[in-house]
Protein backbone atom coordinates (compact mmCIF):
# COMPACT_ATOMS: atom_id res chain seq x y z
CA MET A 1 8.81 -16.44 -20.77
CA PRO A 2 9.14 -14.83 -24.19
CA LEU A 3 7.93 -11.50 -22.81
CA ILE A 4 10.75 -11.29 -20.26
CA GLY A 5 13.30 -12.28 -22.92
CA SER A 6 12.02 -9.58 -25.27
CA LEU A 7 12.13 -6.96 -22.52
CA ARG A 8 15.72 -7.86 -21.61
CA LEU A 9 16.78 -7.79 -25.26
CA ILE A 10 15.33 -4.30 -25.75
CA GLU A 11 16.83 -3.06 -22.48
CA ARG A 12 20.29 -4.36 -23.43
CA SER A 13 20.03 -3.05 -26.99
CA THR A 14 18.97 0.46 -26.04
CA GLY A 15 21.64 0.53 -23.32
CA ALA A 16 24.36 -0.60 -25.73
CA LEU A 17 23.28 2.05 -28.24
CA LEU A 18 23.24 4.68 -25.47
CA LEU A 19 19.68 5.70 -26.29
CA ASP A 20 18.23 8.08 -23.71
CA ARG A 21 14.85 8.45 -25.43
CA TYR A 22 13.12 6.53 -28.18
CA GLU A 23 9.75 5.84 -29.73
CA ARG A 24 8.03 2.46 -29.51
CA TYR A 25 5.95 1.06 -32.34
CA ILE A 26 3.52 -1.42 -30.84
CA PHE A 27 1.46 -3.98 -32.71
CA ALA A 28 0.08 -7.41 -31.74
CA TYR A 29 2.62 -9.18 -29.46
CA GLY A 30 4.78 -6.06 -29.33
CA THR A 31 1.97 -4.23 -27.57
CA LEU A 32 2.65 -6.09 -24.32
CA VAL A 33 6.36 -5.44 -24.54
CA GLY A 34 5.94 -1.78 -25.54
CA LEU A 35 3.46 -0.94 -22.81
CA HIS A 36 5.52 -2.71 -20.17
CA LEU A 37 8.61 -0.76 -21.20
CA ALA A 38 6.63 2.48 -21.17
CA MET A 39 5.45 1.82 -17.62
CA ARG A 40 8.91 0.76 -16.48
CA TYR A 41 10.90 3.54 -18.20
CA LEU A 42 8.43 6.38 -18.58
CA GLU A 43 11.24 8.95 -18.90
CA ARG A 44 12.77 7.14 -21.91
CA ILE A 45 9.68 6.73 -24.09
CA SER A 46 8.94 9.84 -26.16
CA ALA A 47 6.05 8.31 -28.15
CA ILE A 48 3.99 5.16 -28.51
CA ILE A 49 2.78 4.45 -32.04
CA SER A 50 0.12 1.81 -32.51
């Protein structure tokens, strides 16, 4: 379950850094993670760069 681990890591990291909004750079494997985060936290993602 690498995808779930990556999602949790990003969620914890952005929470610890108190980030309300951020951009996601997606490429290859990161595309799945980035799109999932965008669907889950639409209000937090200000841009998706691919």
